[in-house]
Amino acid sequence: MTSSPQHEDFTPHLHKLFRFEGHHHPLRLAQIDVSDLPHSPELTHKPFTLVFHGPRQGVMPEGFYAAEVEDGPRFDLYVIPIHTRAPDRQDYQAVFN
């Protein structure tokens, strides 16, 4: 993608697998959180966060990755592993301000 992604770009891919370049395990897009903050005139879109679920083993390091959706497009995402209470998975987020 060449322009800034919008949360609507990810809606059709909710619950699909994303394969991240250089990482062995795919991550599932589990959630799209759209900010409820009042719209600021300098913003051209609503801020949002993507939450991915992945396996507990082989945690993917924080970084910028090319990600391909199963049967879908490619996105460039900065992904960060986040604190995960579930014992059977590791969660990640990509934030778009």
PDB file of N, CA and C in Angstrom:
ATOM      1  N   MET A   1       0.842  -1.184   0.000  1.00  0.00           N
ATOM      2  CA  MET A   1       0.000   0.000   0.000  1.00  0.00           C
ATOM      3  C   MET A   1       0.881   1.240   0.000  1.00  0.00           C
ATOM      4  N   THR A   2       0.497   2.228  -0.748  1.00  0.00           N
ATOM      5  CA  THR A   2       1.284   3.446  -0.815  1.00  0.00           C
ATOM      6  C   THR A   2       0.710   4.548   0.062  1.00  0.00           C
ATOM      7  N   SER A   3      -0.601   4.585   0.295  1.00  0.00           N
ATOM      8  CA  SER A   3      -1.189   5.610   1.150  1.00  0.00           C
ATOM      9  C   SER A   3      -1.348   5.054   2.564  1.00  0.00           C
ATOM     10  N   SER A   4      -1.656   5.947   3.505  1.00  0.00           N
ATOM     11  CA  SER A   4      -1.854   5.506   4.887  1.00  0.00           C
ATOM     12  C   SER A   4      -3.094   4.627   4.982  1.00  0.00           C
ATOM     13  N   PRO A   5      -2.947   3.441   5.553  1.00  0.00           N
ATOM     14  CA  PRO A   5      -4.111   2.563   5.674  1.00  0.00           C
ATOM     15  C   PRO A   5      -5.169   3.161   6.603  1.00  0.00           C
ATOM     16  N   GLN A   6      -6.396   2.832   6.333  1.00  0.00           N
ATOM     17  CA  GLN A   6      -7.530   3.215   7.168  1.00  0.00           C
ATOM     18  C   GLN A   6      -8.062   1.943   7.826  1.00  0.00           C
ATOM     19  N   HIS A   7      -8.780   2.088   8.919  1.00  0.00           N
ATOM     20  CA  HIS A   7      -9.277   0.881   9.596  1.00  0.00           C
ATOM     21  C   HIS A   7     -10.192   0.069   8.683  1.00  0.00           C
ATOM     22  N   GLU A   8     -10.884   0.729   7.771  1.00  0.00           N
ATOM     23  CA  GLU A   8     -11.766   0.015   6.835  1.00  0.00           C
ATOM     24  C   GLU A   8     -10.984  -0.910   5.895  1.00  0.00           C
ATOM     25  N   ASP A   9      -9.709  -0.598   5.662  1.00  0.00           N
ATOM     26  CA  ASP A   9      -8.881  -1.449   4.798  1.00  0.00           C
ATOM     27  C   ASP A   9      -8.674  -2.832   5.416  1.00  0.00           C
ATOM     28  N   PHE A  10      -8.777  -2.927   6.746  1.00  0.00           N
ATOM     29  CA  PHE A  10      -8.509  -4.180   7.439  1.00  0.00           C
ATOM     30  C   PHE A  10      -9.778  -4.955   7.789  1.00  0.00           C
ATOM     31  N   THR A  11     -10.927  -4.293   7.771  1.00  0.00           N
ATOM     32  CA  THR A  11     -12.178  -4.940   8.161  1.00  0.00           C
ATOM     33  C   THR A  11     -12.447  -6.241   7.405  1.00  0.00           C
ATOM     34  N   PRO A  12     -12.238  -6.298   6.080  1.00  0.00           N
ATOM     35  CA  PRO A  12     -12.505  -7.570   5.388  1.00  0.00           C
ATOM     36  C   PRO A  12     -11.529  -8.686   5.770  1.00  0.00           C
ATOM     37  N   HIS A  13     -10.465  -8.347   6.482  1.00  0.00           N
ATOM     38  CA  HIS A  13      -9.434  -9.322   6.823  1.00  0.00           C
ATOM     39  C   HIS A  13      -9.456  -9.728   8.297  1.00  0.00           C
ATOM     40  N   LEU A  14     -10.477  -9.272   9.022  1.00  0.00           N
ATOM     41  CA  LEU A  14     -10.623  -9.638  10.425  1.00  0.00           C
ATOM     42  C   LEU A  14     -10.728 -11.156  10.536  1.00  0.00           C
ATOM     43  N   HIS A  15      -9.970 -11.742  11.435  1.00  0.00           N
ATOM     44  CA  HIS A  15      -9.901 -13.184  11.710  1.00  0.00           C
ATOM     45  C   HIS A  15      -9.142 -13.973  10.640  1.00  0.00           C
ATOM     46  N   LYS A  16      -8.515 -13.299   9.712  1.00  0.00           N
ATOM     47  CA  LYS A  16      -7.693 -13.980   8.715  1.00  0.00           C
ATOM     48  C   LYS A  16      -6.241 -14.018   9.185  1.00  0.00           C
ATOM     49  N   LEU A  17      -5.475 -14.922   8.566  1.00  0.00           N
ATOM     50  CA  LEU A  17      -4.056 -15.045   8.874  1.00  0.00           C
ATOM     51  C   LEU A  17      -3.230 -14.054   8.069  1.00  0.00           C
ATOM     52  N   PHE A  18      -2.248 -13.457   8.722  1.00  0.00           N
ATOM     53  CA  PHE A  18      -1.277 -12.570   8.093  1.00  0.00           C
ATOM     54  C   PHE A  18       0.078 -13.248   8.192  1.00  0.00           C
ATOM     55  N   ARG A  19       0.770 -13.334   7.085  1.00  0.00           N
ATOM     56  CA  ARG A  19       2.126 -13.911   7.074  1.00  0.00           C
ATOM     57  C   ARG A  19       3.126 -12.759   7.010  1.00  0.00           C
ATOM     58  N   PHE A  20       4.004 -12.706   8.016  1.00  0.00           N
ATOM     59  CA  PHE A  20       4.967 -11.621   8.147  1.00  0.00           C
ATOM     60  C   PHE A  20       6.316 -12.077   7.607  1.00  0.00           C
ATOM     61  N   GLU A  21       6.847 -11.281   6.695  1.00  0.00           N
ATOM     62  CA  GLU A  21       8.119 -11.592   6.048  1.00  0.00           C
ATOM     63  C   GLU A  21       9.207 -11.831   7.093  1.00  0.00           C
ATOM     64  N   GLY A  22       9.903 -12.957   6.968  1.00  0.00           N
ATOM     65  CA  GLY A  22      10.994 -13.275   7.873  1.00  0.00           C
ATOM     66  C   GLY A  22      10.567 -13.926   9.175  1.00  0.00           C
ATOM     67  N   HIS A  23       9.264 -14.184   9.344  1.00  0.00           N
ATOM     68  CA  HIS A  23       8.761 -14.815  10.559  1.00  0.00           C
ATOM     69  C   HIS A  23       8.049 -16.107  10.180  1.00  0.00           C
ATOM     70  N   HIS A  24       8.280 -17.166  10.921  1.00  0.00           N
ATOM     71  CA  HIS A  24       7.778 -18.493  10.562  1.00  0.00           C
ATOM     72  C   HIS A  24       6.287 -18.696  10.827  1.00  0.00           C
ATOM     73  N   HIS A  25       5.759 -18.079  11.880  1.00  0.00           N
ATOM     74  CA  HIS A  25       4.376 -18.336  12.279  1.00  0.00           C
ATOM     75  C   HIS A  25       3.455 -17.200  11.833  1.00  0.00           C
ATOM     76  N   PRO A  26       2.334 -17.532  11.186  1.00  0.00           N
ATOM     77  CA  PRO A  26       1.378 -16.472  10.831  1.00  0.00           C
ATOM     78  C   PRO A  26       0.668 -15.950  12.080  1.00  0.00           C
ATOM     79  N   LEU A  27       0.171 -14.741  11.986  1.00  0.00           N
ATOM     80  CA  LEU A  27      -0.604 -14.124  13.067  1.00  0.00           C
ATOM     81  C   LEU A  27      -2.025 -13.894  12.562  1.00  0.00           C
ATOM     82  N   ARG A  28      -2.988 -14.076  13.443  1.00  0.00           N
ATOM     83  CA  ARG A  28      -4.396 -13.876  13.083  1.00  0.00           C
ATOM     84  C   ARG A  28      -4.843 -12.480  13.536  1.00  0.00           C
ATOM     85  N   LEU A  29      -5.440 -11.728  12.626  1.00  0.00           N
ATOM     86  CA  LEU A  29      -5.991 -10.418  12.994  1.00  0.00           C
ATOM     87  C   LEU A  29      -7.235 -10.661  13.837  1.00  0.00           C
ATOM     88  N   ALA A  30      -7.148 -10.383  15.133  1.00  0.00           N
ATOM     89  CA  ALA A  30      -8.202 -10.715  16.080  1.00  0.00           C
ATOM     90  C   ALA A  30      -9.132  -9.547  16.382  1.00  0.00           C
ATOM     91  N   GLN A  31      -8.636  -8.320  16.218  1.00  0.00           N
ATOM     92  CA  GLN A  31      -9.405  -7.162  16.681  1.00  0.00           C
ATOM     93  C   GLN A  31      -8.947  -5.912  15.961  1.00  0.00           C
ATOM     94  N   ILE A  32      -9.894  -5.016  15.719  1.00  0.00           N
ATOM     95  CA  ILE A  32      -9.599  -3.683  15.188  1.00  0.00           C
ATOM     96  C   ILE A  32     -10.239  -2.694  16.148  1.00  0.00           C
ATOM     97  N   ASP A  33      -9.419  -1.942  16.866  1.00  0.00           N
ATOM     98  CA  ASP A  33      -9.924  -0.953  17.827  1.00  0.00           C
ATOM     99  C   ASP A  33      -9.815   0.429  17.207  1.00  0.00           C
ATOM    100  N   VAL A  34     -10.962   1.075  17.006  1.00  0.00           N
ATOM    101  CA  VAL A  34     -10.990   2.424  16.443  1.00  0.00           C
ATOM    102  C   VAL A  34     -11.172   3.411  17.581  1.00  0.00           C
ATOM    103  N   SER A  35     -10.368   4.459  17.585  1.00  0.00           N
ATOM    104  CA  SER A  35     -10.398   5.463  18.646  1.00  0.00           C
ATOM    105  C   SER A  35     -11.736   6.190  18.684  1.00  0.00           C
ATOM    106  N   ASP A  36     -12.232   6.400  19.910  1.00  0.00           N
ATOM    107  CA  ASP A  36     -13.463   7.169  20.104  1.00  0.00           C
ATOM    108  C   ASP A  36     -13.164   8.622  20.444  1.00  0.00           C
ATOM    109  N   LEU A  37     -11.889   9.008  20.329  1.00  0.00           N
ATOM    110  CA  LEU A  37     -11.513  10.391  20.624  1.00  0.00           C
ATOM    111  C   LEU A  37     -12.166  11.333  19.618  1.00  0.00           C
ATOM    112  N   PRO A  38     -12.482  12.555  20.044  1.00  0.00           N
ATOM    113  CA  PRO A  38     -13.057  13.506  19.097  1.00  0.00           C
ATOM    114  C   PRO A  38     -12.132  13.706  17.902  1.00  0.00           C
ATOM    115  N   HIS A  39     -12.715  13.846  16.739  1.00  0.00           N
ATOM    116  CA  HIS A  39     -11.937  14.013  15.512  1.00  0.00           C
ATOM    117  C   HIS A  39     -11.201  15.347  15.527  1.00  0.00           C
ATOM    118  N   SER A  40      -9.921  15.291  15.258  1.00  0.00           N
ATOM    119  CA  SER A  40      -9.091  16.480  15.212  1.00  0.00           C
ATOM    120  C   SER A  40      -9.007  16.966  13.759  1.00  0.00           C
ATOM    121  N   PRO A  41      -9.091  18.276  13.518  1.00  0.00           N
ATOM    122  CA  PRO A  41      -9.063  18.783  12.143  1.00  0.00           C
ATOM    123  C   PRO A  41      -7.789  18.427  11.376  1.00  0.00           C
ATOM    124  N   GLU A  42      -6.671  18.255  12.092  1.00  0.00           N
ATOM    125  CA  GLU A  42      -5.428  17.935  11.384  1.00  0.00           C
ATOM    126  C   GLU A  42      -5.308  16.455  11.020  1.00  0.00           C
ATOM    127  N   LEU A  43      -6.190  15.625  11.552  1.00  0.00           N
ATOM    128  CA  LEU A  43      -6.170  14.204  11.200  1.00  0.00           C
ATOM    129  C   LEU A  43      -7.044  13.946   9.980  1.00  0.00           C
ATOM    130  N   THR A  44      -6.542  13.112   9.091  1.00  0.00           N
ATOM    131  CA  THR A  44      -7.332  12.756   7.901  1.00  0.00           C
ATOM    132  C   THR A  44      -8.045  11.419   8.093  1.00  0.00           C
ATOM    133  N   HIS A  45      -7.813  10.776   9.241  1.00  0.00           N
ATOM    134  CA  HIS A  45      -8.451   9.500   9.526  1.00  0.00           C
ATOM    135  C   HIS A  45      -8.581   9.320  11.035  1.00  0.00           C
ATOM    136  N   LYS A  46      -9.392   8.354  11.445  1.00  0.00           N
ATOM    137  CA  LYS A  46      -9.511   8.025  12.858  1.00  0.00           C
ATOM    138  C   LYS A  46      -8.347   7.126  13.257  1.00  0.00           C
ATOM    139  N   PRO A  47      -7.696   7.414  14.382  1.00  0.00           N
ATOM    140  CA  PRO A  47      -6.647   6.515  14.863  1.00  0.00           C
ATOM    141  C   PRO A  47      -7.231   5.137  15.171  1.00  0.00           C
ATOM    142  N   PHE A  48      -6.436   4.099  14.944  1.00  0.00           N
ATOM    143  CA  PHE A  48      -6.894   2.744  15.225  1.00  0.00           C
ATOM    144  C   PHE A  48      -5.718   1.845  15.552  1.00  0.00           C
ATOM    145  N   THR A  49      -6.043   0.711  16.158  1.00  0.00           N
ATOM    146  CA  THR A  49      -5.050  -0.289  16.539  1.00  0.00           C
ATOM    147  C   THR A  49      -5.505  -1.650  16.043  1.00  0.00           C
ATOM    148  N   LEU A  50      -4.584  -2.379  15.449  1.00  0.00           N
ATOM    149  CA  LEU A  50      -4.834  -3.768  15.063  1.00  0.00           C
ATOM    150  C   LEU A  50      -4.237  -4.660  16.142  1.00  0.00           C
ATOM    151  N   VAL A  51      -4.972  -5.687  16.555  1.00  0.00           N
ATOM    152  CA  VAL A  51      -4.476  -6.650  17.525  1.00  0.00           C
ATOM    153  C   VAL A  51      -4.432  -8.019  16.844  1.00  0.00           C
ATOM    154  N   PHE A  52      -3.256  -8.621  16.903  1.00  0.00           N
ATOM    155  CA  PHE A  52      -3.033  -9.931  16.300  1.00  0.00           C
ATOM    156  C   PHE A  52      -2.785 -10.953  17.399  1.00  0.00           C
ATOM    157  N   HIS A  53      -3.178 -12.212  17.144  1.00  0.00           N
ATOM    158  CA  HIS A  53      -2.864 -13.326  18.027  1.00  0.00           C
ATOM    159  C   HIS A  53      -1.897 -14.247  17.303  1.00  0.00           C
ATOM    160  N   GLY A  54      -0.898 -14.718  18.035  1.00  0.00           N
ATOM    161  CA  GLY A  54       0.065 -15.663  17.485  1.00  0.00           C
ATOM    162  C   GLY A  54       0.431 -16.696  18.520  1.00  0.00           C
ATOM    163  N   PRO A  55       1.245 -17.671  18.132  1.00  0.00           N
ATOM    164  CA  PRO A  55       1.644 -18.701  19.086  1.00  0.00           C
ATOM    165  C   PRO A  55       2.591 -18.141  20.143  1.00  0.00           C
ATOM    166  N   ARG A  56       2.585 -18.759  21.296  1.00  0.00           N
ATOM    167  CA  ARG A  56       3.447 -18.328  22.405  1.00  0.00           C
ATOM    168  C   ARG A  56       4.927 -18.544  22.063  1.00  0.00           C
ATOM    169  N   GLN A  57       5.237 -19.640  21.364  1.00  0.00           N
ATOM    170  CA  GLN A  57       6.627 -19.916  21.005  1.00  0.00           C
ATOM    171  C   GLN A  57       7.039 -19.074  19.805  1.00  0.00           C
ATOM    172  N   GLY A  58       8.318 -18.753  19.739  1.00  0.00           N
ATOM    173  CA  GLY A  58       8.836 -18.007  18.600  1.00  0.00           C
ATOM    174  C   GLY A  58       8.295 -16.600  18.491  1.00  0.00           C
ATOM    175  N   VAL A  59       8.327 -15.847  19.589  1.00  0.00           N
ATOM    176  CA  VAL A  59       7.791 -14.473  19.596  1.00  0.00           C
ATOM    177  C   VAL A  59       8.505 -13.629  18.543  1.00  0.00           C
ATOM    178  N   MET A  60       7.714 -12.947  17.733  1.00  0.00           N
ATOM    179  CA  MET A  60       8.241 -12.080  16.674  1.00  0.00           C
ATOM    180  C   MET A  60       8.724 -10.774  17.318  1.00  0.00           C
ATOM    181  N   PRO A  61       9.956 -10.365  17.062  1.00  0.00           N
ATOM    182  CA  PRO A  61      10.460  -9.125  17.648  1.00  0.00           C
ATOM    183  C   PRO A  61       9.745  -7.891  17.093  1.00  0.00           C
ATOM    184  N   GLU A  62       9.737  -6.846  17.889  1.00  0.00           N
ATOM    185  CA  GLU A  62       9.198  -5.564  17.441  1.00  0.00           C
ATOM    186  C   GLU A  62       9.918  -5.140  16.176  1.00  0.00           C
ATOM    187  N   GLY A  63       9.143  -4.614  15.218  1.00  0.00           N
ATOM    188  CA  GLY A  63       9.784  -4.144  14.004  1.00  0.00           C
ATOM    189  C   GLY A  63       8.816  -3.901  12.869  1.00  0.00           C
ATOM    190  N   PHE A  64       9.389  -3.452  11.760  1.00  0.00           N
ATOM    191  CA  PHE A  64       8.640  -3.126  10.549  1.00  0.00           C
ATOM    192  C   PHE A  64       8.666  -4.355   9.648  1.00  0.00           C
ATOM    193  N   TYR A  65       7.485  -4.813   9.240  1.00  0.00           N
ATOM    194  CA  TYR A  65       7.371  -6.039   8.452  1.00  0.00           C
ATOM    195  C   TYR A  65       6.420  -5.847   7.272  1.00  0.00           C
ATOM    196  N   ALA A  66       6.711  -6.552   6.190  1.00  0.00           N
ATOM    197  CA  ALA A  66       5.747  -6.709   5.102  1.00  0.00           C
ATOM    198  C   ALA A  66       4.867  -7.882   5.513  1.00  0.00           C
ATOM    199  N   ALA A  67       3.560  -7.685   5.436  1.00  0.00           N
ATOM    200  CA  ALA A  67       2.616  -8.723   5.844  1.00  0.00           C
ATOM    201  C   ALA A  67       1.633  -8.982   4.715  1.00  0.00           C
ATOM    202  N   GLU A  68       1.447 -10.249   4.391  1.00  0.00           N
ATOM    203  CA  GLU A  68       0.483 -10.635   3.354  1.00  0.00           C
ATOM    204  C   GLU A  68      -0.688 -11.344   4.007  1.00  0.00           C
ATOM    205  N   VAL A  69      -1.881 -10.927   3.628  1.00  0.00           N
ATOM    206  CA  VAL A  69      -3.104 -11.535   4.127  1.00  0.00           C
ATOM    207  C   VAL A  69      -3.388 -12.767   3.283  1.00  0.00           C
ATOM    208  N   GLU A  70      -3.892 -13.822   3.937  1.00  0.00           N
ATOM    209  CA  GLU A  70      -4.262 -14.997   3.161  1.00  0.00           C
ATOM    210  C   GLU A  70      -5.296 -14.584   2.115  1.00  0.00           C
ATOM    211  N   ASP A  71      -5.028 -14.892   0.861  1.00  0.00           N
ATOM    212  CA  ASP A  71      -5.922 -14.540  -0.256  1.00  0.00           C
ATOM    213  C   ASP A  71      -6.222 -13.047  -0.319  1.00  0.00           C
ATOM    214  N   GLY A  72      -5.241 -12.214   0.023  1.00  0.00           N
ATOM    215  CA  GLY A  72      -5.508 -10.784   0.038  1.00  0.00           C
ATOM    216  C   GLY A  72      -4.282  -9.945  -0.245  1.00  0.00           C
ATOM    217  N   PRO A  73      -4.354  -8.671   0.131  1.00  0.00           N
ATOM    218  CA  PRO A  73      -3.284  -7.716  -0.176  1.00  0.00           C
ATOM    219  C   PRO A  73      -2.101  -7.815   0.773  1.00  0.00           C
ATOM    220  N   ARG A  74      -1.139  -6.968   0.508  1.00  0.00           N
ATOM    221  CA  ARG A  74       0.067  -6.852   1.326  1.00  0.00           C
ATOM    222  C   ARG A  74       0.046  -5.492   2.019  1.00  0.00           C
ATOM    223  N   PHE A  75       0.455  -5.485   3.275  1.00  0.00           N
ATOM    224  CA  PHE A  75       0.540  -4.258   4.062  1.00  0.00           C
ATOM    225  C   PHE A  75       1.939  -4.175   4.665  1.00  0.00           C
ATOM    226  N   ASP A  76       2.450  -2.978   4.853  1.00  0.00           N
ATOM    227  CA  ASP A  76       3.683  -2.749   5.600  1.00  0.00           C
ATOM    228  C   ASP A  76       3.272  -2.270   6.985  1.00  0.00           C
ATOM    229  N   LEU A  77       3.652  -3.035   8.016  1.00  0.00           N
ATOM    230  CA  LEU A  77       3.182  -2.764   9.371  1.00  0.00           C
ATOM    231  C   LEU A  77       4.341  -2.731  10.360  1.00  0.00           C
ATOM    232  N   TYR A  78       4.257  -1.813  11.318  1.00  0.00           N
ATOM    233  CA  TYR A  78       5.181  -1.819  12.454  1.00  0.00           C
ATOM    234  C   TYR A  78       4.450  -2.543  13.575  1.00  0.00           C
ATOM    235  N   VAL A  79       4.954  -3.696  13.963  1.00  0.00           N
ATOM    236  CA  VAL A  79       4.276  -4.576  14.911  1.00  0.00           C
ATOM    237  C   VAL A  79       5.080  -4.683  16.197  1.00  0.00           C
ATOM    238  N   ILE A  80       4.349  -4.676  17.321  1.00  0.00           N
ATOM    239  CA  ILE A  80       4.971  -4.722  18.640  1.00  0.00           C
ATOM    240  C   ILE A  80       4.330  -5.859  19.450  1.00  0.00           C
ATOM    241  N   PRO A  81       5.126  -6.771  20.020  1.00  0.00           N
ATOM    242  CA  PRO A  81       4.543  -7.742  20.939  1.00  0.00           C
ATOM    243  C   PRO A  81       4.062  -7.006  22.193  1.00  0.00           C
ATOM    244  N   ILE A  82       2.918  -7.390  22.710  1.00  0.00           N
ATOM    245  CA  ILE A  82       2.352  -6.716  23.885  1.00  0.00           C
ATOM    246  C   ILE A  82       2.117  -7.738  25.002  1.00  0.00           C
ATOM    247  N   HIS A  83       1.991  -7.220  26.214  1.00  0.00           N
ATOM    248  CA  HIS A  83       1.724  -8.086  27.369  1.00  0.00           C
ATOM    249  C   HIS A  83       0.457  -8.893  27.094  1.00  0.00           C
ATOM    250  N   THR A  84       0.554 -10.210  27.256  1.00  0.00           N
ATOM    251  CA  THR A  84      -0.562 -11.098  26.961  1.00  0.00           C
ATOM    252  C   THR A  84      -0.818 -11.989  28.162  1.00  0.00           C
ATOM    253  N   ARG A  85      -2.016 -11.925  28.698  1.00  0.00           N
ATOM    254  CA  ARG A  85      -2.364 -12.731  29.873  1.00  0.00           C
ATOM    255  C   ARG A  85      -2.701 -14.175  29.514  1.00  0.00           C
ATOM    256  N   ALA A  86      -3.176 -14.392  28.304  1.00  0.00           N
ATOM    257  CA  ALA A  86      -3.526 -15.758  27.891  1.00  0.00           C
ATOM    258  C   ALA A  86      -2.263 -16.615  27.849  1.00  0.00           C
ATOM    259  N   PRO A  87      -2.279 -17.796  28.476  1.00  0.00           N
ATOM    260  CA  PRO A  87      -1.069 -18.619  28.524  1.00  0.00           C
ATOM    261  C   PRO A  87      -0.750 -19.327  27.206  1.00  0.00           C
ATOM    262  N   ASP A  88      -1.718 -19.372  26.296  1.00  0.00           N
ATOM    263  CA  ASP A  88      -1.544 -20.156  25.073  1.00  0.00           C
ATOM    264  C   ASP A  88      -1.236 -19.335  23.831  1.00  0.00           C
ATOM    265  N   ARG A  89      -1.031 -18.036  23.978  1.00  0.00           N
ATOM    266  CA  ARG A  89      -0.764 -17.216  22.797  1.00  0.00           C
ATOM    267  C   ARG A  89       0.041 -15.978  23.161  1.00  0.00           C
ATOM    268  N   GLN A  90       0.562 -15.314  22.117  1.00  0.00           N
ATOM    269  CA  GLN A  90       1.232 -14.020  22.245  1.00  0.00           C
ATOM    270  C   GLN A  90       0.450 -13.033  21.392  1.00  0.00           C
ATOM    271  N   ASP A  91       0.130 -11.871  21.951  1.00  0.00           N
ATOM    272  CA  ASP A  91      -0.570 -10.826  21.198  1.00  0.00           C
ATOM    273  C   ASP A  91       0.413  -9.773  20.711  1.00  0.00           C
ATOM    274  N   TYR A  92       0.026  -9.130  19.634  1.00  0.00           N
ATOM    275  CA  TYR A  92       0.824  -8.080  18.993  1.00  0.00           C
ATOM    276  C   TYR A  92      -0.116  -6.945  18.633  1.00  0.00           C
ATOM    277  N   GLN A  93       0.446  -5.745  18.492  1.00  0.00           N
ATOM    278  CA  GLN A  93      -0.363  -4.624  18.023  1.00  0.00           C
ATOM    279  C   GLN A  93       0.385  -3.830  16.965  1.00  0.00           C
ATOM    280  N   ALA A  94      -0.419  -3.218  16.103  1.00  0.00           N
ATOM    281  CA  ALA A  94       0.069  -2.244  15.127  1.00  0.00           C
ATOM    282  C   ALA A  94      -0.815  -1.023  15.313  1.00  0.00           C
ATOM    283  N   VAL A  95      -0.214   0.120  15.617  1.00  0.00           N
ATOM    284  CA  VAL A  95      -0.961   1.335  15.952  1.00  0.00           C
ATOM    285  C   VAL A  95      -0.858   2.327  14.815  1.00  0.00           C
ATOM    286  N   PHE A  96      -1.991   2.921  14.448  1.00  0.00           N
ATOM    287  CA  PHE A  96      -2.059   3.951  13.414  1.00  0.00           C
ATOM    288  C   PHE A  96      -2.649   5.200  14.041  1.00  0.00           C
ATOM    289  N   ASN A  97      -1.804   6.205  14.286  1.00  0.00           N
ATOM    290  CA  ASN A  97      -2.247   7.460  14.906  1.00  0.00           C
ATOM    291  C   ASN A  97      -2.680   8.467  13.865  1.00  0.00           C
TER     292      ASN A  97
END
